[in-house]
Amino acid sequence: ETAQPAANVAAEPLVRFEIDPAALFAAHKAARSGGPGLAGYYHSHPQGHPLPSATDCEHASGDGRLWAIVAGGEVRFYRDGERGFEPVP
């Protein structure tokens, strides 16, 4: 229902992203306390395509959550499944 921005705390934020662990922990804690569930994550590829990158694939956990990737004025969605990212129409 809503998107909650979180800081990118990666060492090289112009080329990598890492969700602020405190924000992610707070989102999980809120969900466990009856707040909104955590459906997934979003980030952009400013110089790329709206496809999971090699780095995205390294960080995939198979937790079934959605990833929205924004690039070139387009948003594509993927499910982080047990066998990697699967496109979601």
N, C-alpha and C. Protein backbone atom coordinates (compact mmCIF):
# COMPACT_ATOMS: atom_id res chain seq x y z
N GLU A 1 0.81 -1.19 0.00
CA GLU A 1 0.00 0.00 0.00
C GLU A 1 0.85 1.26 0.00
N THR A 2 2.03 1.18 0.61
CA THR A 2 2.91 2.35 0.66
C THR A 2 4.34 1.92 0.39
N ALA A 3 5.13 2.88 -0.01
CA ALA A 3 6.56 2.66 -0.18
C ALA A 3 7.28 3.49 0.87
N GLN A 4 8.15 2.86 1.58
CA GLN A 4 8.90 3.55 2.64
C GLN A 4 10.34 3.73 2.19
N PRO A 5 10.78 4.95 1.93
CA PRO A 5 12.17 5.14 1.52
C PRO A 5 13.13 4.77 2.65
N ALA A 6 14.29 4.31 2.27
CA ALA A 6 15.35 3.99 3.23
C ALA A 6 16.67 4.48 2.64
N ALA A 7 17.56 4.87 3.49
CA ALA A 7 18.86 5.36 3.04
C ALA A 7 19.67 4.25 2.38
N ASN A 8 20.44 4.63 1.39
CA ASN A 8 21.39 3.72 0.76
C ASN A 8 22.71 3.89 1.52
N VAL A 9 23.11 2.88 2.27
CA VAL A 9 24.31 2.98 3.11
C VAL A 9 25.51 2.27 2.48
N ALA A 10 25.42 1.95 1.20
CA ALA A 10 26.55 1.28 0.53
C ALA A 10 27.78 2.18 0.54
N ALA A 11 28.95 1.57 0.57
CA ALA A 11 30.21 2.32 0.55
C ALA A 11 30.34 3.15 -0.72
N GLU A 12 29.80 2.65 -1.84
CA GLU A 12 29.82 3.37 -3.11
C GLU A 12 28.37 3.54 -3.59
N PRO A 13 27.63 4.47 -2.99
CA PRO A 13 26.19 4.56 -3.29
C PRO A 13 25.84 4.93 -4.72
N LEU A 14 26.79 5.44 -5.49
CA LEU A 14 26.49 5.76 -6.88
C LEU A 14 26.48 4.52 -7.77
N VAL A 15 27.08 3.43 -7.29
CA VAL A 15 27.13 2.21 -8.10
C VAL A 15 26.60 0.97 -7.37
N ARG A 16 26.28 1.09 -6.10
CA ARG A 16 25.76 -0.04 -5.32
C ARG A 16 24.64 0.45 -4.42
N PHE A 17 23.82 -0.48 -3.97
CA PHE A 17 22.84 -0.09 -2.97
C PHE A 17 22.83 -1.11 -1.85
N GLU A 18 22.61 -0.60 -0.67
CA GLU A 18 22.46 -1.43 0.53
C GLU A 18 21.45 -0.71 1.41
N ILE A 19 20.35 -1.38 1.66
CA ILE A 19 19.30 -0.78 2.48
C ILE A 19 19.84 -0.59 3.89
N ASP A 20 19.56 0.56 4.46
CA ASP A 20 19.96 0.85 5.83
C ASP A 20 19.42 -0.27 6.73
N PRO A 21 20.31 -1.02 7.38
CA PRO A 21 19.85 -2.14 8.21
C PRO A 21 18.87 -1.71 9.30
N ALA A 22 19.04 -0.51 9.85
CA ALA A 22 18.11 -0.04 10.89
C ALA A 22 16.70 0.12 10.33
N ALA A 23 16.59 0.65 9.11
CA ALA A 23 15.28 0.82 8.48
C ALA A 23 14.65 -0.54 8.17
N LEU A 24 15.47 -1.47 7.69
CA LEU A 24 14.96 -2.81 7.37
C LEU A 24 14.51 -3.54 8.64
N PHE A 25 15.30 -3.44 9.69
CA PHE A 25 14.94 -4.04 10.97
C PHE A 25 13.63 -3.44 11.48
N ALA A 26 13.50 -2.11 11.39
CA ALA A 26 12.28 -1.45 11.85
C ALA A 26 11.05 -1.92 11.06
N ALA A 27 11.21 -2.12 9.75
CA ALA A 27 10.10 -2.59 8.93
C ALA A 27 9.68 -4.00 9.33
N HIS A 28 10.66 -4.88 9.57
CA HIS A 28 10.33 -6.25 10.01
C HIS A 28 9.68 -6.23 11.39
N LYS A 29 10.19 -5.41 12.28
CA LYS A 29 9.64 -5.32 13.62
C LYS A 29 8.20 -4.81 13.58
N ALA A 30 7.95 -3.79 12.76
CA ALA A 30 6.59 -3.26 12.63
C ALA A 30 5.64 -4.32 12.09
N ALA A 31 6.09 -5.09 11.10
CA ALA A 31 5.25 -6.15 10.53
C ALA A 31 4.92 -7.20 11.58
N ARG A 32 5.91 -7.59 12.38
CA ARG A 32 5.67 -8.59 13.44
C ARG A 32 4.73 -8.08 14.51
N SER A 33 4.65 -6.75 14.64
CA SER A 33 3.79 -6.14 15.67
C SER A 33 2.40 -5.80 15.14
N GLY A 34 2.07 -6.30 13.94
CA GLY A 34 0.74 -6.07 13.39
C GLY A 34 0.67 -4.92 12.40
N GLY A 35 1.80 -4.30 12.12
CA GLY A 35 1.81 -3.21 11.14
C GLY A 35 1.81 -3.77 9.73
N PRO A 36 2.06 -2.92 8.76
CA PRO A 36 2.05 -3.38 7.36
C PRO A 36 3.14 -4.41 7.11
N GLY A 37 2.81 -5.40 6.29
CA GLY A 37 3.78 -6.42 5.93
C GLY A 37 4.82 -5.87 4.96
N LEU A 38 5.94 -6.51 4.91
CA LEU A 38 7.02 -6.11 4.01
C LEU A 38 6.90 -6.92 2.73
N ALA A 39 6.40 -6.28 1.67
CA ALA A 39 6.16 -6.98 0.40
C ALA A 39 7.42 -7.10 -0.43
N GLY A 40 8.34 -6.14 -0.30
CA GLY A 40 9.54 -6.21 -1.12
C GLY A 40 10.38 -4.96 -1.01
N TYR A 41 11.21 -4.76 -2.03
CA TYR A 41 12.21 -3.71 -2.03
C TYR A 41 12.23 -3.02 -3.38
N TYR A 42 12.74 -1.80 -3.44
CA TYR A 42 12.89 -1.12 -4.72
C TYR A 42 14.22 -0.38 -4.76
N HIS A 43 14.75 -0.24 -5.94
CA HIS A 43 15.94 0.58 -6.17
C HIS A 43 16.04 0.89 -7.65
N SER A 44 16.98 1.76 -8.00
CA SER A 44 17.13 2.15 -9.40
C SER A 44 18.48 1.73 -9.95
N HIS A 45 18.51 1.64 -11.26
CA HIS A 45 19.75 1.44 -12.01
C HIS A 45 19.88 2.67 -12.92
N PRO A 46 20.41 3.79 -12.40
CA PRO A 46 20.40 5.05 -13.15
C PRO A 46 21.09 4.97 -14.52
N GLN A 47 22.09 4.14 -14.65
CA GLN A 47 22.81 4.03 -15.91
C GLN A 47 22.58 2.69 -16.60
N GLY A 48 21.60 1.93 -16.12
CA GLY A 48 21.42 0.59 -16.64
C GLY A 48 20.02 0.30 -17.13
N HIS A 49 19.64 -0.93 -16.98
CA HIS A 49 18.36 -1.44 -17.44
C HIS A 49 17.56 -1.94 -16.24
N PRO A 50 16.25 -2.03 -16.36
CA PRO A 50 15.43 -2.50 -15.23
C PRO A 50 15.44 -4.02 -15.11
N LEU A 51 16.63 -4.57 -15.06
CA LEU A 51 16.84 -6.01 -14.93
C LEU A 51 17.71 -6.27 -13.71
N PRO A 52 17.54 -7.40 -13.02
CA PRO A 52 18.42 -7.70 -11.90
C PRO A 52 19.88 -7.77 -12.37
N SER A 53 20.72 -7.05 -11.67
CA SER A 53 22.16 -7.07 -11.98
C SER A 53 22.82 -8.26 -11.30
N ALA A 54 24.08 -8.47 -11.61
CA ALA A 54 24.84 -9.53 -10.94
C ALA A 54 24.87 -9.29 -9.44
N THR A 55 25.00 -8.02 -9.05
CA THR A 55 25.00 -7.69 -7.62
C THR A 55 23.65 -7.98 -7.00
N ASP A 56 22.57 -7.63 -7.70
CA ASP A 56 21.23 -7.95 -7.20
C ASP A 56 21.11 -9.45 -6.96
N CYS A 57 21.58 -10.23 -7.91
CA CYS A 57 21.49 -11.69 -7.80
C CYS A 57 22.31 -12.21 -6.62
N GLU A 58 23.45 -11.58 -6.35
CA GLU A 58 24.27 -11.97 -5.19
C GLU A 58 23.52 -11.73 -3.88
N HIS A 59 22.69 -10.68 -3.85
CA HIS A 59 21.99 -10.32 -2.62
C HIS A 59 20.61 -10.98 -2.51
N ALA A 60 20.20 -11.68 -3.52
CA ALA A 60 18.91 -12.37 -3.47
C ALA A 60 18.92 -13.41 -2.36
N SER A 61 17.80 -13.52 -1.68
CA SER A 61 17.74 -14.46 -0.55
C SER A 61 16.73 -15.58 -0.77
N GLY A 62 15.94 -15.48 -1.85
CA GLY A 62 14.92 -16.50 -2.08
C GLY A 62 13.75 -16.39 -1.12
N ASP A 63 13.53 -15.19 -0.57
CA ASP A 63 12.48 -15.02 0.44
C ASP A 63 11.08 -14.80 -0.15
N GLY A 64 10.98 -14.78 -1.49
CA GLY A 64 9.69 -14.63 -2.14
C GLY A 64 9.19 -13.21 -2.24
N ARG A 65 9.96 -12.26 -1.75
CA ARG A 65 9.53 -10.86 -1.81
C ARG A 65 9.74 -10.29 -3.20
N LEU A 66 9.04 -9.20 -3.47
CA LEU A 66 9.15 -8.51 -4.75
C LEU A 66 10.31 -7.52 -4.74
N TRP A 67 10.93 -7.39 -5.89
CA TRP A 67 11.93 -6.34 -6.12
C TRP A 67 11.41 -5.51 -7.27
N ALA A 68 11.36 -4.21 -7.10
CA ALA A 68 11.03 -3.29 -8.18
C ALA A 68 12.34 -2.61 -8.58
N ILE A 69 12.66 -2.69 -9.86
CA ILE A 69 13.89 -2.07 -10.36
C ILE A 69 13.48 -1.00 -11.37
N VAL A 70 13.96 0.22 -11.13
CA VAL A 70 13.61 1.37 -11.95
C VAL A 70 14.82 1.75 -12.80
N ALA A 71 14.60 1.92 -14.10
CA ALA A 71 15.66 2.38 -15.01
C ALA A 71 15.04 2.87 -16.31
N GLY A 72 15.62 3.91 -16.86
CA GLY A 72 15.16 4.41 -18.15
C GLY A 72 13.69 4.75 -18.19
N GLY A 73 13.14 5.26 -17.10
CA GLY A 73 11.73 5.62 -17.07
C GLY A 73 10.78 4.44 -17.00
N GLU A 74 11.29 3.27 -16.69
CA GLU A 74 10.49 2.04 -16.63
C GLU A 74 10.68 1.38 -15.27
N VAL A 75 9.65 0.70 -14.80
CA VAL A 75 9.72 -0.08 -13.57
C VAL A 75 9.37 -1.52 -13.92
N ARG A 76 10.22 -2.43 -13.52
CA ARG A 76 9.92 -3.86 -13.69
C ARG A 76 9.97 -4.53 -12.33
N PHE A 77 9.13 -5.55 -12.19
CA PHE A 77 9.01 -6.26 -10.92
C PHE A 77 9.50 -7.69 -11.07
N TYR A 78 10.14 -8.19 -10.02
CA TYR A 78 10.68 -9.55 -9.99
C TYR A 78 10.38 -10.14 -8.62
N ARG A 79 10.11 -11.44 -8.60
CA ARG A 79 9.96 -12.16 -7.34
C ARG A 79 11.29 -12.84 -7.05
N ASP A 80 11.75 -12.66 -5.82
CA ASP A 80 13.01 -13.27 -5.36
C ASP A 80 12.69 -14.70 -4.93
N GLY A 81 12.69 -15.60 -5.89
CA GLY A 81 12.29 -16.98 -5.63
C GLY A 81 13.46 -17.89 -5.28
N GLU A 82 13.14 -19.12 -5.00
CA GLU A 82 14.16 -20.10 -4.61
C GLU A 82 15.20 -20.33 -5.69
N ARG A 83 14.81 -20.12 -6.97
CA ARG A 83 15.74 -20.33 -8.08
C ARG A 83 16.17 -19.01 -8.72
N GLY A 84 16.13 -17.93 -7.95
CA GLY A 84 16.54 -16.64 -8.47
C GLY A 84 15.36 -15.77 -8.79
N PHE A 85 15.62 -14.69 -9.51
CA PHE A 85 14.58 -13.73 -9.83
C PHE A 85 13.68 -14.23 -10.95
N GLU A 86 12.39 -14.07 -10.72
CA GLU A 86 11.40 -14.43 -11.73
C GLU A 86 10.61 -13.18 -12.07
N PRO A 87 10.47 -12.82 -13.36
CA PRO A 87 9.69 -11.64 -13.74
C PRO A 87 8.24 -11.75 -13.27
N VAL A 88 7.70 -10.63 -12.86
CA VAL A 88 6.29 -10.54 -12.45
C VAL A 88 5.62 -9.56 -13.40
N PRO A 89 4.58 -9.99 -14.11
CA PRO A 89 3.91 -9.06 -15.04
C PRO A 89 3.26 -7.90 -14.30
